PDB file of N, CA and C in Angstrom:
ATOM      1  N   UNK A   1     -13.050  -8.935   7.626  1.00  0.00           N
ATOM      2  CA  UNK A   1     -12.896  -8.726   9.041  1.00  0.00           C
ATOM      3  C   UNK A   1     -11.543  -8.066   9.312  1.00  0.00           C
ATOM      4  N   UNK A   2     -11.426  -7.309  10.377  1.00  0.00           N
ATOM      5  CA  UNK A   2     -10.142  -6.682  10.704  1.00  0.00           C
ATOM      6  C   UNK A   2      -9.016  -7.712  10.795  1.00  0.00           C
ATOM      7  N   UNK A   3      -7.900  -7.382  10.138  1.00  0.00           N
ATOM      8  CA  UNK A   3      -6.735  -8.254  10.166  1.00  0.00           C
ATOM      9  C   UNK A   3      -6.774  -9.401   9.180  1.00  0.00           C
ATOM     10  N   UNK A   4      -7.873  -9.564   8.479  1.00  0.00           N
ATOM     11  CA  UNK A   4      -8.014 -10.663   7.538  1.00  0.00           C
ATOM     12  C   UNK A   4      -7.224 -10.384   6.265  1.00  0.00           C
ATOM     13  N   UNK A   5      -6.597 -11.398   5.742  1.00  0.00           N
ATOM     14  CA  UNK A   5      -5.884 -11.306   4.470  1.00  0.00           C
ATOM     15  C   UNK A   5      -6.507 -12.331   3.531  1.00  0.00           C
ATOM     16  N   UNK A   6      -6.805 -11.909   2.312  1.00  0.00           N
ATOM     17  CA  UNK A   6      -7.386 -12.851   1.361  1.00  0.00           C
ATOM     18  C   UNK A   6      -6.835 -12.558  -0.021  1.00  0.00           C
ATOM     19  N   UNK A   7      -7.018 -13.482  -0.932  1.00  0.00           N
ATOM     20  CA  UNK A   7      -6.541 -13.332  -2.298  1.00  0.00           C
ATOM     21  C   UNK A   7      -7.694 -13.377  -3.273  1.00  0.00           C
ATOM     22  N   UNK A   8      -7.440 -12.858  -4.457  1.00  0.00           N
ATOM     23  CA  UNK A   8      -8.422 -12.897  -5.536  1.00  0.00           C
ATOM     24  C   UNK A   8      -7.802 -13.729  -6.656  1.00  0.00           C
ATOM     25  N   UNK A   9      -8.465 -14.808  -7.005  1.00  0.00           N
ATOM     26  CA  UNK A   9      -7.949 -15.678  -8.049  1.00  0.00           C
ATOM     27  C   UNK A   9      -9.007 -15.890  -9.118  1.00  0.00           C
ATOM     28  N   UNK A  10      -8.563 -16.259 -10.277  1.00  0.00           N
ATOM     29  CA  UNK A  10      -9.478 -16.556 -11.373  1.00  0.00           C
ATOM     30  C   UNK A  10      -8.720 -16.594 -12.679  1.00  0.00           C
ATOM     31  N   UNK A  11      -9.312 -17.173 -13.703  1.00  0.00           N
ATOM     32  CA  UNK A  11      -8.631 -17.267 -15.001  1.00  0.00           C
ATOM     33  C   UNK A  11      -8.533 -15.906 -15.682  1.00  0.00           C
ATOM     34  N   UNK A  12      -7.685 -15.834 -16.692  1.00  0.00           N
ATOM     35  CA  UNK A  12      -7.578 -14.608 -17.482  1.00  0.00           C
ATOM     36  C   UNK A  12      -8.958 -14.222 -18.004  1.00  0.00           C
ATOM     37  N   UNK A  13      -9.261 -12.918 -17.925  1.00  0.00           N
ATOM     38  CA  UNK A  13     -10.534 -12.431 -18.443  1.00  0.00           C
ATOM     39  C   UNK A  13     -11.698 -12.525 -17.477  1.00  0.00           C
ATOM     40  N   UNK A  14     -11.454 -12.952 -16.246  1.00  0.00           N
ATOM     41  CA  UNK A  14     -12.565 -13.127 -15.302  1.00  0.00           C
ATOM     42  C   UNK A  14     -12.935 -11.843 -14.568  1.00  0.00           C
ATOM     43  N   UNK A  15     -12.131 -10.766 -14.724  1.00  0.00           N
ATOM     44  CA  UNK A  15     -12.494  -9.482 -14.122  1.00  0.00           C
ATOM     45  C   UNK A  15     -11.669  -9.061 -12.916  1.00  0.00           C
ATOM     46  N   UNK A  16     -10.581  -9.754 -12.638  1.00  0.00           N
ATOM     47  CA  UNK A  16      -9.758  -9.402 -11.461  1.00  0.00           C
ATOM     48  C   UNK A  16      -9.207  -7.985 -11.582  1.00  0.00           C
ATOM     49  N   UNK A  17      -8.593  -7.667 -12.706  1.00  0.00           N
ATOM     50  CA  UNK A  17      -8.003  -6.336 -12.895  1.00  0.00           C
ATOM     51  C   UNK A  17      -9.090  -5.272 -12.916  1.00  0.00           C
ATOM     52  N   UNK A  18     -10.213  -5.547 -13.531  1.00  0.00           N
ATOM     53  CA  UNK A  18     -11.329  -4.602 -13.558  1.00  0.00           C
ATOM     54  C   UNK A  18     -11.818  -4.319 -12.145  1.00  0.00           C
ATOM     55  N   UNK A  19     -11.901  -5.364 -11.321  1.00  0.00           N
ATOM     56  CA  UNK A  19     -12.327  -5.169  -9.938  1.00  0.00           C
ATOM     57  C   UNK A  19     -11.333  -4.254  -9.213  1.00  0.00           C
ATOM     58  N   UNK A  20     -10.029  -4.550  -9.330  1.00  0.00           N
ATOM     59  CA  UNK A  20      -9.032  -3.719  -8.651  1.00  0.00           C
ATOM     60  C   UNK A  20      -9.063  -2.288  -9.166  1.00  0.00           C
ATOM     61  N   UNK A  21      -9.190  -2.103 -10.467  1.00  0.00           N
ATOM     62  CA  UNK A  21      -9.244  -0.748 -11.026  1.00  0.00           C
ATOM     63  C   UNK A  21     -10.469   0.007 -10.530  1.00  0.00           C
ATOM     64  N   UNK A  22     -11.568  -0.690 -10.290  1.00  0.00           N
ATOM     65  CA  UNK A  22     -12.771  -0.059  -9.736  1.00  0.00           C
ATOM     66  C   UNK A  22     -12.536   0.354  -8.290  1.00  0.00           C
ATOM     67  N   UNK A  23     -11.976  -0.552  -7.500  1.00  0.00           N
ATOM     68  CA  UNK A  23     -11.711  -0.251  -6.093  1.00  0.00           C
ATOM     69  C   UNK A  23     -10.750   0.923  -5.978  1.00  0.00           C
ATOM     70  N   UNK A  24      -9.801   1.031  -6.902  1.00  0.00           N
ATOM     71  CA  UNK A  24      -8.782   2.077  -6.851  1.00  0.00           C
ATOM     72  C   UNK A  24      -9.223   3.389  -7.495  1.00  0.00           C
ATOM     73  N   UNK A  25     -10.469   3.456  -7.965  1.00  0.00           N
ATOM     74  CA  UNK A  25     -10.985   4.697  -8.525  1.00  0.00           C
ATOM     75  C   UNK A  25     -10.507   4.997  -9.931  1.00  0.00           C
ATOM     76  N   UNK A  26      -9.916   4.015 -10.593  1.00  0.00           N
ATOM     77  CA  UNK A  26      -9.415   4.241 -11.944  1.00  0.00           C
ATOM     78  C   UNK A  26     -10.511   4.080 -12.988  1.00  0.00           C
ATOM     79  N   UNK A  27     -11.521   3.308 -12.660  1.00  0.00           N
ATOM     80  CA  UNK A  27     -12.716   3.208 -13.493  1.00  0.00           C
ATOM     81  C   UNK A  27     -13.928   3.205 -12.565  1.00  0.00           C
ATOM     82  N   UNK A  28     -15.077   3.628 -13.099  1.00  0.00           N
ATOM     83  CA  UNK A  28     -16.302   3.646 -12.305  1.00  0.00           C
ATOM     84  C   UNK A  28     -17.158   2.452 -12.711  1.00  0.00           C
ATOM     85  N   UNK A  29     -17.602   1.668 -11.746  1.00  0.00           N
ATOM     86  CA  UNK A  29     -18.436   0.509 -12.093  1.00  0.00           C
ATOM     87  C   UNK A  29     -19.761   0.933 -12.713  1.00  0.00           C
ATOM     88  N   UNK A  30     -20.290   0.079 -13.577  1.00  0.00           N
ATOM     89  CA  UNK A  30     -21.580   0.349 -14.221  1.00  0.00           C
ATOM     90  C   UNK A  30     -22.735   0.268 -13.226  1.00  0.00           C
ATOM     91  N   UNK A  31     -22.580  -0.545 -12.216  1.00  0.00           N
ATOM     92  CA  UNK A  31     -23.625  -0.689 -11.209  1.00  0.00           C
ATOM     93  C   UNK A  31     -23.016  -1.121  -9.889  1.00  0.00           C
ATOM     94  N   UNK A  32     -23.799  -1.050  -8.847  1.00  0.00           N
ATOM     95  CA  UNK A  32     -23.337  -1.428  -7.524  1.00  0.00           C
ATOM     96  C   UNK A  32     -22.517  -0.319  -6.881  1.00  0.00           C
ATOM     97  N   UNK A  33     -21.935  -0.620  -5.729  1.00  0.00           N
ATOM     98  CA  UNK A  33     -21.122   0.353  -5.022  1.00  0.00           C
ATOM     99  C   UNK A  33     -19.968  -0.354  -4.338  1.00  0.00           C
ATOM    100  N   UNK A  34     -18.955   0.436  -4.040  1.00  0.00           N
ATOM    101  CA  UNK A  34     -17.769  -0.074  -3.365  1.00  0.00           C
ATOM    102  C   UNK A  34     -17.711   0.599  -2.006  1.00  0.00           C
ATOM    103  N   UNK A  35     -17.566  -0.188  -0.955  1.00  0.00           N
ATOM    104  CA  UNK A  35     -17.533   0.357   0.397  1.00  0.00           C
ATOM    105  C   UNK A  35     -16.203   0.064   1.067  1.00  0.00           C
ATOM    106  N   UNK A  36     -15.780   1.008   1.889  1.00  0.00           N
ATOM    107  CA  UNK A  36     -14.602   0.847   2.730  1.00  0.00           C
ATOM    108  C   UNK A  36     -15.013   1.229   4.141  1.00  0.00           C
ATOM    109  N   UNK A  37     -14.928   0.280   5.044  1.00  0.00           N
ATOM    110  CA  UNK A  37     -15.328   0.518   6.439  1.00  0.00           C
ATOM    111  C   UNK A  37     -16.735   1.110   6.544  1.00  0.00           C
ATOM    112  N   UNK A  38     -17.641   0.614   5.710  1.00  0.00           N
ATOM    113  CA  UNK A  38     -19.028   1.052   5.764  1.00  0.00           C
ATOM    114  C   UNK A  38     -19.334   2.349   5.039  1.00  0.00           C
ATOM    115  N   UNK A  39     -18.346   2.951   4.374  1.00  0.00           N
ATOM    116  CA  UNK A  39     -18.549   4.207   3.647  1.00  0.00           C
ATOM    117  C   UNK A  39     -18.439   3.971   2.147  1.00  0.00           C
ATOM    118  N   UNK A  40     -19.354   4.570   1.398  1.00  0.00           N
ATOM    119  CA  UNK A  40     -19.356   4.441  -0.052  1.00  0.00           C
ATOM    120  C   UNK A  40     -18.159   5.194  -0.633  1.00  0.00           C
ATOM    121  N   UNK A  41     -17.281   4.497  -1.336  1.00  0.00           N
ATOM    122  CA  UNK A  41     -16.105   5.126  -1.968  1.00  0.00           C
ATOM    123  C   UNK A  41     -16.152   4.982  -3.490  1.00  0.00           C
ATOM    124  N   UNK A  42     -17.328   4.614  -4.023  1.00  0.00           N
ATOM    125  CA  UNK A  42     -17.465   4.311  -5.443  1.00  0.00           C
ATOM    126  C   UNK A  42     -16.978   5.440  -6.340  1.00  0.00           C
ATOM    127  N   UNK A  43     -17.236   6.673  -5.982  1.00  0.00           N
ATOM    128  CA  UNK A  43     -16.904   7.800  -6.866  1.00  0.00           C
ATOM    129  C   UNK A  43     -15.721   8.627  -6.365  1.00  0.00           C
ATOM    130  N   UNK A  44     -14.924   8.062  -5.477  1.00  0.00           N
ATOM    131  CA  UNK A  44     -13.740   8.783  -4.991  1.00  0.00           C
ATOM    132  C   UNK A  44     -12.629   8.696  -6.042  1.00  0.00           C
ATOM    133  N   UNK A  45     -11.809   9.740  -6.085  1.00  0.00           N
ATOM    134  CA  UNK A  45     -10.680   9.757  -7.012  1.00  0.00           C
ATOM    135  C   UNK A  45      -9.553   8.887  -6.458  1.00  0.00           C
ATOM    136  N   UNK A  46      -8.614   8.466  -7.309  1.00  0.00           N
ATOM    137  CA  UNK A  46      -7.466   7.712  -6.811  1.00  0.00           C
ATOM    138  C   UNK A  46      -6.711   8.460  -5.710  1.00  0.00           C
ATOM    139  N   UNK A  47      -6.621   9.775  -5.814  1.00  0.00           N
ATOM    140  CA  UNK A  47      -5.920  10.565  -4.800  1.00  0.00           C
ATOM    141  C   UNK A  47      -6.669  10.521  -3.463  1.00  0.00           C
ATOM    142  N   UNK A  48      -7.990  10.643  -3.513  1.00  0.00           N
ATOM    143  CA  UNK A  48      -8.788  10.572  -2.290  1.00  0.00           C
ATOM    144  C   UNK A  48      -8.680   9.189  -1.652  1.00  0.00           C
ATOM    145  N   UNK A  49      -8.685   8.161  -2.477  1.00  0.00           N
ATOM    146  CA  UNK A  49      -8.572   6.799  -1.971  1.00  0.00           C
ATOM    147  C   UNK A  49      -7.208   6.566  -1.337  1.00  0.00           C
ATOM    148  N   UNK A  50      -6.164   7.122  -1.949  1.00  0.00           N
ATOM    149  CA  UNK A  50      -4.820   6.986  -1.393  1.00  0.00           C
ATOM    150  C   UNK A  50      -4.757   7.607  -0.007  1.00  0.00           C
ATOM    151  N   UNK A  51      -5.407   8.746   0.169  1.00  0.00           N
ATOM    152  CA  UNK A  51      -5.423   9.399   1.477  1.00  0.00           C
ATOM    153  C   UNK A  51      -6.178   8.571   2.514  1.00  0.00           C
ATOM    154  N   UNK A  52      -7.078   7.706   2.044  1.00  0.00           N
ATOM    155  CA  UNK A  52      -7.810   6.812   2.947  1.00  0.00           C
ATOM    156  C   UNK A  52      -7.027   5.527   3.226  1.00  0.00           C
ATOM    157  N   UNK A  53      -5.854   5.399   2.584  1.00  0.00           N
ATOM    158  CA  UNK A  53      -5.012   4.227   2.809  1.00  0.00           C
ATOM    159  C   UNK A  53      -5.166   3.132   1.779  1.00  0.00           C
ATOM    160  N   UNK A  54      -5.922   3.394   0.710  1.00  0.00           N
ATOM    161  CA  UNK A  54      -6.099   2.397  -0.339  1.00  0.00           C
ATOM    162  C   UNK A  54      -4.924   2.519  -1.302  1.00  0.00           C
ATOM    163  N   UNK A  55      -4.233   1.438  -1.514  1.00  0.00           N
ATOM    164  CA  UNK A  55      -3.072   1.454  -2.399  1.00  0.00           C
ATOM    165  C   UNK A  55      -2.969   0.155  -3.173  1.00  0.00           C
ATOM    166  N   UNK A  56      -1.970   0.104  -4.019  1.00  0.00           N
ATOM    167  CA  UNK A  56      -1.807  -1.055  -4.887  1.00  0.00           C
ATOM    168  C   UNK A  56      -0.331  -1.366  -5.054  1.00  0.00           C
ATOM    169  N   UNK A  57      -0.022  -2.627  -5.107  1.00  0.00           N
ATOM    170  CA  UNK A  57       1.316  -3.048  -5.490  1.00  0.00           C
ATOM    171  C   UNK A  57       1.192  -3.905  -6.731  1.00  0.00           C
ATOM    172  N   UNK A  58       2.246  -3.979  -7.484  1.00  0.00           N
ATOM    173  CA  UNK A  58       2.240  -4.769  -8.706  1.00  0.00           C
ATOM    174  C   UNK A  58       3.146  -5.976  -8.527  1.00  0.00           C
ATOM    175  N   UNK A  59       3.026  -6.943  -9.408  1.00  0.00           N
ATOM    176  CA  UNK A  59       3.820  -8.150  -9.292  1.00  0.00           C
ATOM    177  C   UNK A  59       5.302  -7.874  -9.477  1.00  0.00           C
ATOM    178  N   UNK A  60       5.650  -6.860 -10.241  1.00  0.00           N
ATOM    179  CA  UNK A  60       7.045  -6.496 -10.418  1.00  0.00           C
ATOM    180  C   UNK A  60       7.411  -5.534  -9.301  1.00  0.00           C
ATOM    181  N   UNK A  61       8.057  -6.060  -8.286  1.00  0.00           N
ATOM    182  CA  UNK A  61       8.393  -5.244  -7.127  1.00  0.00           C
ATOM    183  C   UNK A  61       9.740  -4.569  -7.329  1.00  0.00           C
ATOM    184  N   UNK A  62       9.816  -3.324  -6.945  1.00  0.00           N
ATOM    185  CA  UNK A  62      11.063  -2.581  -7.000  1.00  0.00           C
ATOM    186  C   UNK A  62      11.447  -2.196  -5.589  1.00  0.00           C
ATOM    187  N   UNK A  63      12.674  -2.433  -5.235  1.00  0.00           N
ATOM    188  CA  UNK A  63      13.169  -2.059  -3.921  1.00  0.00           C
ATOM    189  C   UNK A  63      14.432  -1.232  -4.097  1.00  0.00           C
ATOM    190  N   UNK A  64      14.809  -0.548  -3.042  1.00  0.00           N
ATOM    191  CA  UNK A  64      16.047   0.220  -3.035  1.00  0.00           C
ATOM    192  C   UNK A  64      17.135  -0.687  -2.481  1.00  0.00           C
ATOM    193  N   UNK A  65      17.950  -1.224  -3.362  1.00  0.00           N
ATOM    194  CA  UNK A  65      18.914  -2.245  -3.010  1.00  0.00           C
ATOM    195  C   UNK A  65      19.980  -1.832  -2.021  1.00  0.00           C
ATOM    196  N   UNK A  66      20.322  -0.557  -1.971  1.00  0.00           N
ATOM    197  CA  UNK A  66      21.375  -0.127  -1.049  1.00  0.00           C
ATOM    198  C   UNK A  66      20.809   0.265   0.313  1.00  0.00           C
ATOM    199  N   UNK A  67      19.501   0.155   0.462  1.00  0.00           N
ATOM    200  CA  UNK A  67      18.847   0.481   1.732  1.00  0.00           C
ATOM    201  C   UNK A  67      18.495  -0.805   2.461  1.00  0.00           C
ATOM    202  N   UNK A  68      18.266  -0.682   3.762  1.00  0.00           N
ATOM    203  CA  UNK A  68      17.882  -1.849   4.552  1.00  0.00           C
ATOM    204  C   UNK A  68      16.424  -2.216   4.305  1.00  0.00           C
ATOM    205  N   UNK A  69      16.063  -3.408   4.757  1.00  0.00           N
ATOM    206  CA  UNK A  69      14.668  -3.847   4.688  1.00  0.00           C
ATOM    207  C   UNK A  69      13.779  -2.833   5.405  1.00  0.00           C
ATOM    208  N   UNK A  70      14.186  -2.417   6.600  1.00  0.00           N
ATOM    209  CA  UNK A  70      13.408  -1.458   7.398  1.00  0.00           C
ATOM    210  C   UNK A  70      13.241  -0.140   6.646  1.00  0.00           C
ATOM    211  N   UNK A  71      14.321   0.377   6.070  1.00  0.00           N
ATOM    212  CA  UNK A  71      14.237   1.648   5.345  1.00  0.00           C
ATOM    213  C   UNK A  71      13.343   1.536   4.116  1.00  0.00           C
ATOM    214  N   UNK A  72      13.339   0.397   3.437  1.00  0.00           N
ATOM    215  CA  UNK A  72      12.439   0.191   2.307  1.00  0.00           C
ATOM    216  C   UNK A  72      10.983   0.228   2.765  1.00  0.00           C
ATOM    217  N   UNK A  73      10.697  -0.327   3.939  1.00  0.00           N
ATOM    218  CA  UNK A  73       9.331  -0.269   4.469  1.00  0.00           C
ATOM    219  C   UNK A  73       8.920   1.168   4.775  1.00  0.00           C
ATOM    220  N   UNK A  74       9.849   1.948   5.292  1.00  0.00           N
ATOM    221  CA  UNK A  74       9.558   3.357   5.587  1.00  0.00           C
ATOM    222  C   UNK A  74       9.244   4.116   4.302  1.00  0.00           C
ATOM    223  N   UNK A  75      10.055   3.914   3.261  1.00  0.00           N
ATOM    224  CA  UNK A  75       9.821   4.593   1.982  1.00  0.00           C
ATOM    225  C   UNK A  75       8.462   4.193   1.418  1.00  0.00           C
ATOM    226  N   UNK A  76       8.128   2.915   1.482  1.00  0.00           N
ATOM    227  CA  UNK A  76       6.830   2.459   0.973  1.00  0.00           C
ATOM    228  C   UNK A  76       5.683   3.094   1.743  1.00  0.00           C
ATOM    229  N   UNK A  77       5.830   3.220   3.053  1.00  0.00           N
ATOM    230  CA  UNK A  77       4.761   3.797   3.881  1.00  0.00           C
ATOM    231  C   UNK A  77       4.584   5.283   3.629  1.00  0.00           C
ATOM    232  N   UNK A  78       5.631   5.957   3.188  1.00  0.00           N
ATOM    233  CA  UNK A  78       5.537   7.394   2.944  1.00  0.00           C
ATOM    234  C   UNK A  78       4.555   7.723   1.822  1.00  0.00           C
ATOM    235  N   UNK A  79       4.282   6.766   0.955  1.00  0.00           N
ATOM    236  CA  UNK A  79       3.315   6.985  -0.114  1.00  0.00           C
ATOM    237  C   UNK A  79       1.926   7.282   0.419  1.00  0.00           C
ATOM    238  N   UNK A  80       1.660   6.870   1.650  1.00  0.00           N
ATOM    239  CA  UNK A  80       0.326   7.050   2.231  1.00  0.00           C
ATOM    240  C   UNK A  80       0.298   8.122   3.299  1.00  0.00           C
ATOM    241  N   UNK A  81       1.315   8.958   3.339  1.00  0.00           N
ATOM    242  CA  UNK A  81       1.370   9.951   4.412  1.00  0.00           C
ATOM    243  C   UNK A  81       1.515  11.351   3.839  1.00  0.00           C
ATOM    244  N   UNK A  82       0.534  12.172   4.097  1.00  0.00           N
ATOM    245  CA  UNK A  82       0.627  13.589   3.776  1.00  0.00           C
ATOM    246  C   UNK A  82       0.684  13.903   2.298  1.00  0.00           C
ATOM    247  N   UNK A  83       1.237  15.070   2.027  1.00  0.00           N
ATOM    248  CA  UNK A  83       1.331  15.564   0.652  1.00  0.00           C
ATOM    249  C   UNK A  83       2.712  15.269   0.090  1.00  0.00           C
ATOM    250  N   UNK A  84       2.852  15.409  -1.207  1.00  0.00           N
ATOM    251  CA  UNK A  84       4.151  15.203  -1.851  1.00  0.00           C
ATOM    252  C   UNK A  84       5.174  16.176  -1.265  1.00  0.00           C
ATOM    253  N   UNK A  85       4.803  17.437  -1.103  1.00  0.00           N
ATOM    254  CA  UNK A  85       5.710  18.435  -0.537  1.00  0.00           C
ATOM    255  C   UNK A  85       6.127  18.037   0.883  1.00  0.00           C
ATOM    256  N   UNK A  86       5.157  17.610   1.668  1.00  0.00           N
ATOM    257  CA  UNK A  86       5.445  17.204   3.036  1.00  0.00           C
ATOM    258  C   UNK A  86       6.384  16.014   3.104  1.00  0.00           C
ATOM    259  N   UNK A  87       6.204  15.072   2.171  1.00  0.00           N
ATOM    260  CA  UNK A  87       7.076  13.895   2.152  1.00  0.00           C
ATOM    261  C   UNK A  87       8.490  14.266   1.718  1.00  0.00           C
ATOM    262  N   UNK A  88       8.604  15.207   0.795  1.00  0.00           N
ATOM    263  CA  UNK A  88       9.927  15.587   0.291  1.00  0.00           C
ATOM    264  C   UNK A  88      10.763  16.275   1.357  1.00  0.00           C
ATOM    265  N   UNK A  89      10.117  17.029   2.231  1.00  0.00           N
ATOM    266  CA  UNK A  89      10.853  17.825   3.199  1.00  0.00           C
ATOM    267  C   UNK A  89      10.651  17.372   4.644  1.00  0.00           C
ATOM    268  N   UNK A  90      10.095  16.191   4.812  1.00  0.00           N
ATOM    269  CA  UNK A  90       9.879  15.668   6.162  1.00  0.00           C
ATOM    270  C   UNK A  90      11.201  15.192   6.750  1.00  0.00           C
ATOM    271  N   UNK A  91      11.332  15.249   8.053  1.00  0.00           N
ATOM    272  CA  UNK A  91      12.570  14.781   8.677  1.00  0.00           C
ATOM    273  C   UNK A  91      12.683  13.261   8.641  1.00  0.00           C
ATOM    274  N   UNK A  92      13.885  12.782   8.428  1.00  0.00           N
ATOM    275  CA  UNK A  92      14.225  11.362   8.553  1.00  0.00           C
ATOM    276  C   UNK A  92      13.181  10.392   8.056  1.00  0.00           C
ATOM    277  N   UNK A  93      12.663   9.599   8.962  1.00  0.00           N
ATOM    278  CA  UNK A  93      11.696   8.571   8.573  1.00  0.00           C
ATOM    279  C   UNK A  93      10.258   9.065   8.668  1.00  0.00           C
ATOM    280  N   UNK A  94      10.059  10.355   8.852  1.00  0.00           N
ATOM    281  CA  UNK A  94       8.720  10.960   8.913  1.00  0.00           C
ATOM    282  C   UNK A  94       7.848  10.331   9.996  1.00  0.00           C
ATOM    283  N   UNK A  95       8.481   9.798  11.021  1.00  0.00           N
ATOM    284  CA  UNK A  95       7.725   9.162  12.094  1.00  0.00           C
ATOM    285  C   UNK A  95       7.224   7.784  11.754  1.00  0.00           C
ATOM    286  N   UNK A  96       7.688   7.236  10.634  1.00  0.00           N
ATOM    287  CA  UNK A  96       7.179   5.941  10.198  1.00  0.00           C
ATOM    288  C   UNK A  96       8.030   4.768  10.671  1.00  0.00           C
ATOM    289  N   UNK A  97       9.098   5.054  11.391  1.00  0.00           N
ATOM    290  CA  UNK A  97       9.945   3.987  11.898  1.00  0.00           C
ATOM    291  C   UNK A  97       9.179   3.024  12.788  1.00  0.00           C
ATOM    292  N   UNK A  98       8.301   3.560  13.616  1.00  0.00           N
ATOM    293  CA  UNK A  98       7.510   2.698  14.507  1.00  0.00           C
ATOM    294  C   UNK A  98       6.576   1.798  13.707  1.00  0.00           C
ATOM    295  N   UNK A  99       6.002   2.345  12.631  1.00  0.00           N
ATOM    296  CA  UNK A  99       5.124   1.523  11.788  1.00  0.00           C
ATOM    297  C   UNK A  99       5.928   0.426  11.099  1.00  0.00           C
ATOM    298  N   UNK A 100       7.116   0.771  10.615  1.00  0.00           N
ATOM    299  CA  UNK A 100       7.979  -0.229   9.985  1.00  0.00           C
ATOM    300  C   UNK A 100       8.336  -1.317  10.989  1.00  0.00           C
ATOM    301  N   UNK A 101       8.669  -0.910  12.218  1.00  0.00           N
ATOM    302  CA  UNK A 101       9.014  -1.887  13.248  1.00  0.00           C
ATOM    303  C   UNK A 101       7.837  -2.810  13.555  1.00  0.00           C
ATOM    304  N   UNK A 102       6.625  -2.257  13.551  1.00  0.00           N
ATOM    305  CA  UNK A 102       5.440  -3.084  13.807  1.00  0.00           C
ATOM    306  C   UNK A 102       5.258  -4.120  12.695  1.00  0.00           C
ATOM    307  N   UNK A 103       5.477  -3.711  11.439  1.00  0.00           N
ATOM    308  CA  UNK A 103       5.378  -4.663  10.326  1.00  0.00           C
ATOM    309  C   UNK A 103       6.457  -5.727  10.416  1.00  0.00           C
ATOM    310  N   UNK A 104       7.656  -5.302  10.781  1.00  0.00           N
ATOM    311  CA  UNK A 104       8.770  -6.245  10.928  1.00  0.00           C
ATOM    312  C   UNK A 104       8.422  -7.306  11.968  1.00  0.00           C
ATOM    313  N   UNK A 105       7.825  -6.868  13.062  1.00  0.00           N
ATOM    314  CA  UNK A 105       7.429  -7.818  14.100  1.00  0.00           C
ATOM    315  C   UNK A 105       6.252  -8.683  13.650  1.00  0.00           C
ATOM    316  N   UNK A 106       5.289  -8.058  12.959  1.00  0.00           N
ATOM    317  CA  UNK A 106       4.114  -8.795  12.502  1.00  0.00           C
ATOM    318  C   UNK A 106       4.510  -9.932  11.562  1.00  0.00           C
ATOM    319  N   UNK A 107       5.466  -9.659  10.679  1.00  0.00           N
ATOM    320  CA  UNK A 107       5.875 -10.673   9.701  1.00  0.00           C
ATOM    321  C   UNK A 107       7.095 -11.471  10.154  1.00  0.00           C
ATOM    322  N   UNK A 108       7.511 -11.215  11.391  1.00  0.00           N
ATOM    323  CA  UNK A 108       8.606 -11.969  12.017  1.00  0.00           C
ATOM    324  C   UNK A 108       9.868 -11.956  11.157  1.00  0.00           C
ATOM    325  N   UNK A 109      10.278 -10.742  10.769  1.00  0.00           N
ATOM    326  CA  UNK A 109      11.496 -10.612   9.942  1.00  0.00           C
ATOM    327  C   UNK A 109      12.544  -9.731  10.624  1.00  0.00           C
ATOM    328  N   UNK A 110      12.478  -9.648  11.936  1.00  0.00           N
ATOM    329  CA  UNK A 110      13.433  -8.824  12.688  1.00  0.00           C
ATOM    330  C   UNK A 110      14.879  -9.243  12.363  1.00  0.00           C
ATOM    331  N   UNK A 111      15.117 -10.524  12.114  1.00  0.00           N
ATOM    332  CA  UNK A 111      16.462 -11.020  11.848  1.00  0.00           C
ATOM    333  C   UNK A 111      17.063 -10.489  10.536  1.00  0.00           C
ATOM    334  N   UNK A 112      16.229  -9.916   9.656  1.00  0.00           N
ATOM    335  CA  UNK A 112      16.760  -9.343   8.409  1.00  0.00           C
ATOM    336  C   UNK A 112      16.486  -7.850   8.277  1.00  0.00           C
ATOM    337  N   UNK A 113      15.911  -7.235   9.293  1.00  0.00           N
ATOM    338  CA  UNK A 113      15.475  -5.843   9.213  1.00  0.00           C
ATOM    339  C   UNK A 113      16.603  -4.861   8.896  1.00  0.00           C
ATOM    340  N   UNK A 114      17.814  -5.138   9.375  1.00  0.00           N
ATOM    341  CA  UNK A 114      18.929  -4.202   9.128  1.00  0.00           C
ATOM    342  C   UNK A 114      19.805  -4.648   7.969  1.00  0.00           C
ATOM    343  N   UNK A 115      19.393  -5.685   7.284  1.00  0.00           N
ATOM    344  CA  UNK A 115      20.154  -6.183   6.126  1.00  0.00           C
ATOM    345  C   UNK A 115      19.892  -5.309   4.905  1.00  0.00           C
ATOM    346  N   UNK A 116      20.954  -4.952   4.207  1.00  0.00           N
ATOM    347  CA  UNK A 116      20.808  -4.231   2.941  1.00  0.00           C
ATOM    348  C   UNK A 116      20.351  -5.233   1.878  1.00  0.00           C
ATOM    349  N   UNK A 117      19.503  -4.783   0.985  1.00  0.00           N
ATOM    350  CA  UNK A 117      18.932  -5.715   0.016  1.00  0.00           C
ATOM    351  C   UNK A 117      19.920  -6.107  -1.063  1.00  0.00           C
ATOM    352  N   UNK A 118      20.898  -5.262  -1.346  1.00  0.00           N
ATOM    353  CA  UNK A 118      21.941  -5.618  -2.314  1.00  0.00           C
ATOM    354  C   UNK A 118      23.274  -5.595  -1.590  1.00  0.00           C
ATOM    355  N   UNK A 119      23.901  -6.731  -1.515  1.00  0.00           N
ATOM    356  CA  UNK A 119      25.167  -6.795  -0.783  1.00  0.00           C
ATOM    357  C   UNK A 119      26.336  -6.892  -1.742  1.00  0.00           C
TER     358      UNK A 119
END
């Protein structure tokens, strides 16, 4: 459902990574289909899926320590906006400041938004 957050749990070898790799277009499932908002995305490439907003984070998180929390959110959001060339030469926050501010409010972290991650 819209706005819903859920987790995937299970023991080693139960297929969690295989499921994520299928959703991300890194492998094609042997059967069935994968849908996003009612559209079949089973055979989309990782690049096409990224343009649709499908992304992945790993357990080992990397942040830019000399940047603020807000600026780190902007950099992360740029991965889902436009082309590599467009991101490299886009002005400032590429218009993503408002999106970062919305996330800051959603997660109630306004009190740390301007804090640098490495002090």
